[in-house]
PDB file of N, CA and C in Angstrom:
ATOM      1  N   UNK A   1     -13.105  53.774 -19.208  1.00  0.00           N
ATOM      2  CA  UNK A   1     -12.492  53.470 -17.945  1.00  0.00           C
ATOM      3  C   UNK A   1     -11.370  54.475 -17.715  1.00  0.00           C
ATOM      4  N   UNK A   2     -11.341  55.089 -16.581  1.00  0.00           N
ATOM      5  CA  UNK A   2     -10.313  56.067 -16.235  1.00  0.00           C
ATOM      6  C   UNK A   2      -9.528  55.517 -15.062  1.00  0.00           C
ATOM      7  N   UNK A   3      -8.233  55.396 -15.232  1.00  0.00           N
ATOM      8  CA  UNK A   3      -7.375  54.878 -14.170  1.00  0.00           C
ATOM      9  C   UNK A   3      -6.337  55.924 -13.791  1.00  0.00           C
ATOM     10  N   UNK A   4      -6.360  56.434 -12.567  1.00  0.00           N
ATOM     11  CA  UNK A   4      -5.274  57.321 -12.170  1.00  0.00           C
ATOM     12  C   UNK A   4      -3.984  56.516 -12.050  1.00  0.00           C
ATOM     13  N   UNK A   5      -2.902  57.088 -12.482  1.00  0.00           N
ATOM     14  CA  UNK A   5      -1.619  56.387 -12.526  1.00  0.00           C
ATOM     15  C   UNK A   5      -0.773  56.757 -11.309  1.00  0.00           C
ATOM     16  N   UNK A   6       0.055  55.831 -10.840  1.00  0.00           N
ATOM     17  CA  UNK A   6       0.990  56.083  -9.747  1.00  0.00           C
ATOM     18  C   UNK A   6       2.411  55.867 -10.240  1.00  0.00           C
ATOM     19  N   UNK A   7       3.327  56.586  -9.631  1.00  0.00           N
ATOM     20  CA  UNK A   7       4.747  56.378  -9.943  1.00  0.00           C
ATOM     21  C   UNK A   7       5.203  55.060  -9.338  1.00  0.00           C
ATOM     22  N   UNK A   8       6.351  54.564  -9.798  1.00  0.00           N
ATOM     23  CA  UNK A   8       6.901  53.328  -9.243  1.00  0.00           C
ATOM     24  C   UNK A   8       7.195  53.464  -7.754  1.00  0.00           C
ATOM     25  N   UNK A   9       7.557  54.653  -7.288  1.00  0.00           N
ATOM     26  CA  UNK A   9       7.887  54.837  -5.878  1.00  0.00           C
ATOM     27  C   UNK A   9       6.642  54.955  -5.005  1.00  0.00           C
ATOM     28  N   UNK A  10       5.461  54.828  -5.600  1.00  0.00           N
ATOM     29  CA  UNK A  10       4.216  54.860  -4.847  1.00  0.00           C
ATOM     30  C   UNK A  10       3.662  56.258  -4.621  1.00  0.00           C
ATOM     31  N   UNK A  11       4.406  57.295  -4.987  1.00  0.00           N
ATOM     32  CA  UNK A  11       3.903  58.649  -4.823  1.00  0.00           C
ATOM     33  C   UNK A  11       2.886  58.951  -5.917  1.00  0.00           C
ATOM     34  N   UNK A  12       1.860  59.637  -5.541  1.00  0.00           N
ATOM     35  CA  UNK A  12       0.817  59.980  -6.511  1.00  0.00           C
ATOM     36  C   UNK A  12       1.357  61.026  -7.480  1.00  0.00           C
ATOM     37  N   UNK A  13       1.169  60.769  -8.738  1.00  0.00           N
ATOM     38  CA  UNK A  13       1.583  61.679  -9.793  1.00  0.00           C
ATOM     39  C   UNK A  13       0.403  62.575 -10.144  1.00  0.00           C
ATOM     40  N   UNK A  14       0.672  63.682 -10.798  1.00  0.00           N
ATOM     41  CA  UNK A  14      -0.446  64.459 -11.320  1.00  0.00           C
ATOM     42  C   UNK A  14      -1.299  63.534 -12.161  1.00  0.00           C
ATOM     43  N   UNK A  15      -2.583  63.762 -12.256  1.00  0.00           N
ATOM     44  CA  UNK A  15      -3.458  62.768 -12.880  1.00  0.00           C
ATOM     45  C   UNK A  15      -3.004  62.335 -14.272  1.00  0.00           C
ATOM     46  N   UNK A  16      -2.948  61.028 -14.424  1.00  0.00           N
ATOM     47  CA  UNK A  16      -2.704  60.393 -15.709  1.00  0.00           C
ATOM     48  C   UNK A  16      -3.909  59.496 -15.944  1.00  0.00           C
ATOM     49  N   UNK A  17      -4.625  59.727 -17.012  1.00  0.00           N
ATOM     50  CA  UNK A  17      -5.851  59.001 -17.278  1.00  0.00           C
ATOM     51  C   UNK A  17      -5.693  58.073 -18.470  1.00  0.00           C
ATOM     52  N   UNK A  18      -6.361  56.924 -18.405  1.00  0.00           N
ATOM     53  CA  UNK A  18      -6.425  55.972 -19.504  1.00  0.00           C
ATOM     54  C   UNK A  18      -7.880  55.783 -19.893  1.00  0.00           C
ATOM     55  N   UNK A  19      -8.117  55.747 -21.181  1.00  0.00           N
ATOM     56  CA  UNK A  19      -9.432  55.403 -21.688  1.00  0.00           C
ATOM     57  C   UNK A  19      -9.279  54.153 -22.542  1.00  0.00           C
ATOM     58  N   UNK A  20     -10.077  53.144 -22.250  1.00  0.00           N
ATOM     59  CA  UNK A  20     -10.058  51.909 -23.040  1.00  0.00           C
ATOM     60  C   UNK A  20     -10.941  52.114 -24.265  1.00  0.00           C
ATOM     61  N   UNK A  21     -10.384  51.784 -25.435  1.00  0.00           N
ATOM     62  CA  UNK A  21     -11.127  51.941 -26.689  1.00  0.00           C
ATOM     63  C   UNK A  21     -10.992  50.670 -27.510  1.00  0.00           C
ATOM     64  N   UNK A  22     -12.096  50.251 -28.092  1.00  0.00           N
ATOM     65  CA  UNK A  22     -12.111  49.086 -28.958  1.00  0.00           C
ATOM     66  C   UNK A  22     -12.800  49.467 -30.261  1.00  0.00           C
ATOM     67  N   UNK A  23     -12.255  49.000 -31.382  1.00  0.00           N
ATOM     68  CA  UNK A  23     -12.837  49.331 -32.677  1.00  0.00           C
ATOM     69  C   UNK A  23     -12.810  48.112 -33.588  1.00  0.00           C
ATOM     70  N   UNK A  24     -13.944  47.831 -34.206  1.00  0.00           N
ATOM     71  CA  UNK A  24     -14.046  46.713 -35.122  1.00  0.00           C
ATOM     72  C   UNK A  24     -13.625  47.046 -36.540  1.00  0.00           C
ATOM     73  N   UNK A  25     -13.514  48.347 -36.847  1.00  0.00           N
ATOM     74  CA  UNK A  25     -13.048  48.778 -38.167  1.00  0.00           C
ATOM     75  C   UNK A  25     -12.502  50.194 -38.080  1.00  0.00           C
ATOM     76  N   UNK A  26     -11.890  50.660 -39.152  1.00  0.00           N
ATOM     77  CA  UNK A  26     -11.244  51.974 -39.153  1.00  0.00           C
ATOM     78  C   UNK A  26     -12.236  53.132 -39.228  1.00  0.00           C
ATOM     79  N   UNK A  27     -13.423  52.919 -39.785  1.00  0.00           N
ATOM     80  CA  UNK A  27     -14.374  54.006 -40.014  1.00  0.00           C
ATOM     81  C   UNK A  27     -14.789  54.684 -38.728  1.00  0.00           C
ATOM     82  N   UNK A  28     -15.191  53.919 -37.749  1.00  0.00           N
ATOM     83  CA  UNK A  28     -15.687  54.481 -36.498  1.00  0.00           C
ATOM     84  C   UNK A  28     -14.609  55.273 -35.761  1.00  0.00           C
ATOM     85  N   UNK A  29     -13.371  54.815 -35.796  1.00  0.00           N
ATOM     86  CA  UNK A  29     -12.313  55.514 -35.065  1.00  0.00           C
ATOM     87  C   UNK A  29     -12.062  56.897 -35.641  1.00  0.00           C
ATOM     88  N   UNK A  30     -12.089  57.026 -36.951  1.00  0.00           N
ATOM     89  CA  UNK A  30     -11.833  58.326 -37.559  1.00  0.00           C
ATOM     90  C   UNK A  30     -12.956  59.316 -37.302  1.00  0.00           C
ATOM     91  N   UNK A  31     -14.182  58.835 -37.128  1.00  0.00           N
ATOM     92  CA  UNK A  31     -15.291  59.722 -36.800  1.00  0.00           C
ATOM     93  C   UNK A  31     -15.184  60.232 -35.371  1.00  0.00           C
ATOM     94  N   UNK A  32     -14.533  59.477 -34.498  1.00  0.00           N
ATOM     95  CA  UNK A  32     -14.498  59.812 -33.071  1.00  0.00           C
ATOM     96  C   UNK A  32     -13.176  60.370 -32.581  1.00  0.00           C
ATOM     97  N   UNK A  33     -12.192  60.510 -33.448  1.00  0.00           N
ATOM     98  CA  UNK A  33     -10.858  60.867 -32.973  1.00  0.00           C
ATOM     99  C   UNK A  33     -10.776  62.245 -32.340  1.00  0.00           C
ATOM    100  N   UNK A  34     -11.685  63.136 -32.680  1.00  0.00           N
ATOM    101  CA  UNK A  34     -11.661  64.475 -32.082  1.00  0.00           C
ATOM    102  C   UNK A  34     -12.182  64.476 -30.648  1.00  0.00           C
ATOM    103  N   UNK A  35     -12.859  63.403 -30.251  1.00  0.00           N
ATOM    104  CA  UNK A  35     -13.388  63.329 -28.892  1.00  0.00           C
ATOM    105  C   UNK A  35     -12.266  63.372 -27.855  1.00  0.00           C
ATOM    106  N   UNK A  36     -11.173  62.667 -28.131  1.00  0.00           N
ATOM    107  CA  UNK A  36     -10.068  62.640 -27.169  1.00  0.00           C
ATOM    108  C   UNK A  36      -9.421  64.011 -27.020  1.00  0.00           C
ATOM    109  N   UNK A  37      -9.329  64.769 -28.106  1.00  0.00           N
ATOM    110  CA  UNK A  37      -8.768  66.122 -28.034  1.00  0.00           C
ATOM    111  C   UNK A  37      -9.617  66.993 -27.107  1.00  0.00           C
ATOM    112  N   UNK A  38     -10.921  66.845 -27.192  1.00  0.00           N
ATOM    113  CA  UNK A  38     -11.807  67.603 -26.303  1.00  0.00           C
ATOM    114  C   UNK A  38     -11.637  67.141 -24.860  1.00  0.00           C
ATOM    115  N   UNK A  39     -11.496  65.817 -24.658  1.00  0.00           N
ATOM    116  CA  UNK A  39     -11.333  65.290 -23.296  1.00  0.00           C
ATOM    117  C   UNK A  39     -10.046  65.769 -22.649  1.00  0.00           C
ATOM    118  N   UNK A  40      -8.942  65.734 -23.400  1.00  0.00           N
ATOM    119  CA  UNK A  40      -7.676  66.169 -22.802  1.00  0.00           C
ATOM    120  C   UNK A  40      -7.730  67.658 -22.468  1.00  0.00           C
ATOM    121  N   UNK A  41      -8.395  68.422 -23.293  1.00  0.00           N
ATOM    122  CA  UNK A  41      -8.551  69.848 -23.000  1.00  0.00           C
ATOM    123  C   UNK A  41      -9.329  70.046 -21.703  1.00  0.00           C
ATOM    124  N   UNK A  42     -10.404  69.303 -21.524  1.00  0.00           N
ATOM    125  CA  UNK A  42     -11.200  69.404 -20.299  1.00  0.00           C
ATOM    126  C   UNK A  42     -10.414  68.937 -19.080  1.00  0.00           C
ATOM    127  N   UNK A  43      -9.651  67.834 -19.236  1.00  0.00           N
ATOM    128  CA  UNK A  43      -8.848  67.337 -18.127  1.00  0.00           C
ATOM    129  C   UNK A  43      -7.788  68.341 -17.707  1.00  0.00           C
ATOM    130  N   UNK A  44      -7.149  68.966 -18.671  1.00  0.00           N
ATOM    131  CA  UNK A  44      -6.110  69.946 -18.350  1.00  0.00           C
ATOM    132  C   UNK A  44      -6.700  71.195 -17.728  1.00  0.00           C
ATOM    133  N   UNK A  45      -7.902  71.571 -18.139  1.00  0.00           N
ATOM    134  CA  UNK A  45      -8.564  72.714 -17.509  1.00  0.00           C
ATOM    135  C   UNK A  45      -8.905  72.406 -16.052  1.00  0.00           C
ATOM    136  N   UNK A  46      -9.218  71.146 -15.772  1.00  0.00           N
ATOM    137  CA  UNK A  46      -9.593  70.743 -14.415  1.00  0.00           C
ATOM    138  C   UNK A  46      -8.380  70.458 -13.534  1.00  0.00           C
ATOM    139  N   UNK A  47      -7.392  69.696 -14.074  1.00  0.00           N
ATOM    140  CA  UNK A  47      -6.285  69.198 -13.259  1.00  0.00           C
ATOM    141  C   UNK A  47      -4.948  69.878 -13.529  1.00  0.00           C
ATOM    142  N   UNK A  48      -4.893  70.774 -14.493  1.00  0.00           N
ATOM    143  CA  UNK A  48      -3.643  71.447 -14.811  1.00  0.00           C
ATOM    144  C   UNK A  48      -3.026  70.907 -16.089  1.00  0.00           C
ATOM    145  N   UNK A  49      -2.093  71.674 -16.622  1.00  0.00           N
ATOM    146  CA  UNK A  49      -1.556  71.353 -17.943  1.00  0.00           C
ATOM    147  C   UNK A  49      -0.689  70.094 -17.970  1.00  0.00           C
ATOM    148  N   UNK A  50      -0.294  69.579 -16.813  1.00  0.00           N
ATOM    149  CA  UNK A  50       0.525  68.355 -16.785  1.00  0.00           C
ATOM    150  C   UNK A  50      -0.307  67.081 -16.779  1.00  0.00           C
ATOM    151  N   UNK A  51      -1.628  67.196 -16.670  1.00  0.00           N
ATOM    152  CA  UNK A  51      -2.491  66.014 -16.740  1.00  0.00           C
ATOM    153  C   UNK A  51      -2.366  65.406 -18.131  1.00  0.00           C
ATOM    154  N   UNK A  52      -2.445  64.071 -18.189  1.00  0.00           N
ATOM    155  CA  UNK A  52      -2.347  63.430 -19.497  1.00  0.00           C
ATOM    156  C   UNK A  52      -3.446  62.396 -19.678  1.00  0.00           C
ATOM    157  N   UNK A  53      -3.841  62.236 -20.923  1.00  0.00           N
ATOM    158  CA  UNK A  53      -4.817  61.231 -21.318  1.00  0.00           C
ATOM    159  C   UNK A  53      -4.098  60.237 -22.202  1.00  0.00           C
ATOM    160  N   UNK A  54      -4.274  58.970 -21.918  1.00  0.00           N
ATOM    161  CA  UNK A  54      -3.658  57.905 -22.695  1.00  0.00           C
ATOM    162  C   UNK A  54      -4.753  56.923 -23.085  1.00  0.00           C
ATOM    163  N   UNK A  55      -4.501  56.186 -24.139  1.00  0.00           N
ATOM    164  CA  UNK A  55      -5.490  55.249 -24.652  1.00  0.00           C
ATOM    165  C   UNK A  55      -4.998  53.822 -24.503  1.00  0.00           C
ATOM    166  N   UNK A  56      -5.905  52.941 -24.156  1.00  0.00           N
ATOM    167  CA  UNK A  56      -5.653  51.509 -24.128  1.00  0.00           C
ATOM    168  C   UNK A  56      -6.461  50.933 -25.281  1.00  0.00           C
ATOM    169  N   UNK A  57      -5.786  50.571 -26.372  1.00  0.00           N
ATOM    170  CA  UNK A  57      -6.449  50.268 -27.632  1.00  0.00           C
ATOM    171  C   UNK A  57      -6.553  48.780 -27.914  1.00  0.00           C
ATOM    172  N   UNK A  58      -7.693  48.410 -28.479  1.00  0.00           N
ATOM    173  CA  UNK A  58      -7.942  47.052 -28.938  1.00  0.00           C
ATOM    174  C   UNK A  58      -8.680  47.145 -30.273  1.00  0.00           C
ATOM    175  N   UNK A  59      -8.148  46.523 -31.303  1.00  0.00           N
ATOM    176  CA  UNK A  59      -8.848  46.520 -32.583  1.00  0.00           C
ATOM    177  C   UNK A  59      -8.115  47.293 -33.653  1.00  0.00           C
ATOM    178  N   UNK A  60      -8.878  47.947 -34.503  1.00  0.00           N
ATOM    179  CA  UNK A  60      -8.368  48.601 -35.712  1.00  0.00           C
ATOM    180  C   UNK A  60      -8.234  50.107 -35.530  1.00  0.00           C
ATOM    181  N   UNK A  61      -7.012  50.576 -35.460  1.00  0.00           N
ATOM    182  CA  UNK A  61      -6.717  52.005 -35.380  1.00  0.00           C
ATOM    183  C   UNK A  61      -5.603  52.275 -36.375  1.00  0.00           C
ATOM    184  N   UNK A  62      -5.885  53.073 -37.391  1.00  0.00           N
ATOM    185  CA  UNK A  62      -4.898  53.292 -38.445  1.00  0.00           C
ATOM    186  C   UNK A  62      -3.952  54.442 -38.116  1.00  0.00           C
ATOM    187  N   UNK A  63      -2.974  54.645 -38.984  1.00  0.00           N
ATOM    188  CA  UNK A  63      -1.956  55.669 -38.742  1.00  0.00           C
ATOM    189  C   UNK A  63      -2.543  57.078 -38.725  1.00  0.00           C
ATOM    190  N   UNK A  64      -3.621  57.311 -39.459  1.00  0.00           N
ATOM    191  CA  UNK A  64      -4.273  58.624 -39.425  1.00  0.00           C
ATOM    192  C   UNK A  64      -4.818  58.933 -38.043  1.00  0.00           C
ATOM    193  N   UNK A  65      -5.478  57.952 -37.449  1.00  0.00           N
ATOM    194  CA  UNK A  65      -6.016  58.107 -36.101  1.00  0.00           C
ATOM    195  C   UNK A  65      -4.885  58.296 -35.094  1.00  0.00           C
ATOM    196  N   UNK A  66      -3.882  57.421 -35.159  1.00  0.00           N
ATOM    197  CA  UNK A  66      -2.779  57.488 -34.208  1.00  0.00           C
ATOM    198  C   UNK A  66      -1.986  58.785 -34.363  1.00  0.00           C
ATOM    199  N   UNK A  67      -1.807  59.244 -35.584  1.00  0.00           N
ATOM    200  CA  UNK A  67      -1.110  60.510 -35.810  1.00  0.00           C
ATOM    201  C   UNK A  67      -1.862  61.687 -35.225  1.00  0.00           C
ATOM    202  N   UNK A  68      -3.174  61.675 -35.362  1.00  0.00           N
ATOM    203  CA  UNK A  68      -4.002  62.736 -34.791  1.00  0.00           C
ATOM    204  C   UNK A  68      -3.861  62.750 -33.274  1.00  0.00           C
ATOM    205  N   UNK A  69      -3.900  61.577 -32.667  1.00  0.00           N
ATOM    206  CA  UNK A  69      -3.756  61.496 -31.212  1.00  0.00           C
ATOM    207  C   UNK A  69      -2.363  61.942 -30.771  1.00  0.00           C
ATOM    208  N   UNK A  70      -1.346  61.528 -31.494  1.00  0.00           N
ATOM    209  CA  UNK A  70       0.028  61.921 -31.152  1.00  0.00           C
ATOM    210  C   UNK A  70       0.192  63.436 -31.235  1.00  0.00           C
ATOM    211  N   UNK A  71      -0.443  64.060 -32.219  1.00  0.00           N
ATOM    212  CA  UNK A  71      -0.369  65.519 -32.356  1.00  0.00           C
ATOM    213  C   UNK A  71      -0.999  66.227 -31.165  1.00  0.00           C
ATOM    214  N   UNK A  72      -1.926  65.566 -30.495  1.00  0.00           N
ATOM    215  CA  UNK A  72      -2.575  66.124 -29.297  1.00  0.00           C
ATOM    216  C   UNK A  72      -1.844  65.707 -28.016  1.00  0.00           C
ATOM    217  N   UNK A  73      -0.669  65.081 -28.151  1.00  0.00           N
ATOM    218  CA  UNK A  73       0.114  64.570 -27.020  1.00  0.00           C
ATOM    219  C   UNK A  73      -0.634  63.504 -26.235  1.00  0.00           C
ATOM    220  N   UNK A  74      -1.396  62.697 -26.957  1.00  0.00           N
ATOM    221  CA  UNK A  74      -2.093  61.568 -26.361  1.00  0.00           C
ATOM    222  C   UNK A  74      -1.334  60.315 -26.765  1.00  0.00           C
ATOM    223  N   UNK A  75      -0.917  59.535 -25.782  1.00  0.00           N
ATOM    224  CA  UNK A  75      -0.162  58.318 -26.031  1.00  0.00           C
ATOM    225  C   UNK A  75      -1.103  57.122 -25.903  1.00  0.00           C
ATOM    226  N   UNK A  76      -0.621  55.929 -26.245  1.00  0.00           N
ATOM    227  CA  UNK A  76      -1.465  54.749 -26.200  1.00  0.00           C
ATOM    228  C   UNK A  76      -0.640  53.502 -25.915  1.00  0.00           C
ATOM    229  N   UNK A  77      -1.351  52.469 -25.489  1.00  0.00           N
ATOM    230  CA  UNK A  77      -0.794  51.120 -25.330  1.00  0.00           C
ATOM    231  C   UNK A  77      -1.810  50.170 -25.960  1.00  0.00           C
ATOM    232  N   UNK A  78      -1.309  49.106 -26.563  1.00  0.00           N
ATOM    233  CA  UNK A  78      -2.166  48.119 -27.219  1.00  0.00           C
ATOM    234  C   UNK A  78      -2.496  46.991 -26.260  1.00  0.00           C
ATOM    235  N   UNK A  79      -3.706  46.458 -26.364  1.00  0.00           N
ATOM    236  CA  UNK A  79      -4.117  45.369 -25.486  1.00  0.00           C
ATOM    237  C   UNK A  79      -3.276  44.125 -25.707  1.00  0.00           C
ATOM    238  N   UNK A  80      -2.748  43.919 -26.891  1.00  0.00           N
ATOM    239  CA  UNK A  80      -1.917  42.740 -27.138  1.00  0.00           C
ATOM    240  C   UNK A  80      -0.469  42.957 -26.694  1.00  0.00           C
ATOM    241  N   UNK A  81      -0.173  44.171 -26.188  1.00  0.00           N
ATOM    242  CA  UNK A  81       1.145  44.470 -25.613  1.00  0.00           C
ATOM    243  C   UNK A  81       0.938  45.079 -24.231  1.00  0.00           C
ATOM    244  N   UNK A  82       0.176  44.391 -23.415  1.00  0.00           N
ATOM    245  CA  UNK A  82      -0.228  44.919 -22.106  1.00  0.00           C
ATOM    246  C   UNK A  82       0.970  45.253 -21.209  1.00  0.00           C
ATOM    247  N   UNK A  83       2.095  44.596 -21.432  1.00  0.00           N
ATOM    248  CA  UNK A  83       3.276  44.908 -20.636  1.00  0.00           C
ATOM    249  C   UNK A  83       3.774  46.330 -20.871  1.00  0.00           C
ATOM    250  N   UNK A  84       3.378  46.945 -21.981  1.00  0.00           N
ATOM    251  CA  UNK A  84       3.751  48.334 -22.244  1.00  0.00           C
ATOM    252  C   UNK A  84       3.172  49.302 -21.218  1.00  0.00           C
ATOM    253  N   UNK A  85       2.149  48.885 -20.478  1.00  0.00           N
ATOM    254  CA  UNK A  85       1.604  49.753 -19.438  1.00  0.00           C
ATOM    255  C   UNK A  85       2.637  50.049 -18.363  1.00  0.00           C
ATOM    256  N   UNK A  86       3.646  49.209 -18.250  1.00  0.00           N
ATOM    257  CA  UNK A  86       4.717  49.466 -17.290  1.00  0.00           C
ATOM    258  C   UNK A  86       5.452  50.750 -17.632  1.00  0.00           C
ATOM    259  N   UNK A  87       5.474  51.140 -18.904  1.00  0.00           N
ATOM    260  CA  UNK A  87       6.109  52.387 -19.310  1.00  0.00           C
ATOM    261  C   UNK A  87       5.398  53.605 -18.730  1.00  0.00           C
ATOM    262  N   UNK A  88       4.141  53.419 -18.331  1.00  0.00           N
ATOM    263  CA  UNK A  88       3.364  54.496 -17.719  1.00  0.00           C
ATOM    264  C   UNK A  88       3.420  54.432 -16.198  1.00  0.00           C
ATOM    265  N   UNK A  89       4.136  53.463 -15.672  1.00  0.00           N
ATOM    266  CA  UNK A  89       4.228  53.299 -14.227  1.00  0.00           C
ATOM    267  C   UNK A  89       3.107  52.486 -13.637  1.00  0.00           C
ATOM    268  N   UNK A  90       2.429  51.709 -14.465  1.00  0.00           N
ATOM    269  CA  UNK A  90       1.323  50.876 -13.965  1.00  0.00           C
ATOM    270  C   UNK A  90       1.782  49.456 -13.730  1.00  0.00           C
TER     271      UNK A  90
END
């Protein structure tokens, strides 16, 4: 799911994308963590270097996965802390 983000003042911001991810165990997430790096690269090539990809996470994501995403400047919010989406202006 990709959701363009808006600022609190209602003005459209450069594209901010969210991808919803769910994982039942740690194994699958570590096999797929490079996918987001490729996606953010494609998004920035299309929308400019200020475009951002963020994750909406549910399930098991360990520090290795989260560290890899953080190194790619990909941020996240947890489904059990849905109010954190307000930090993104949603």
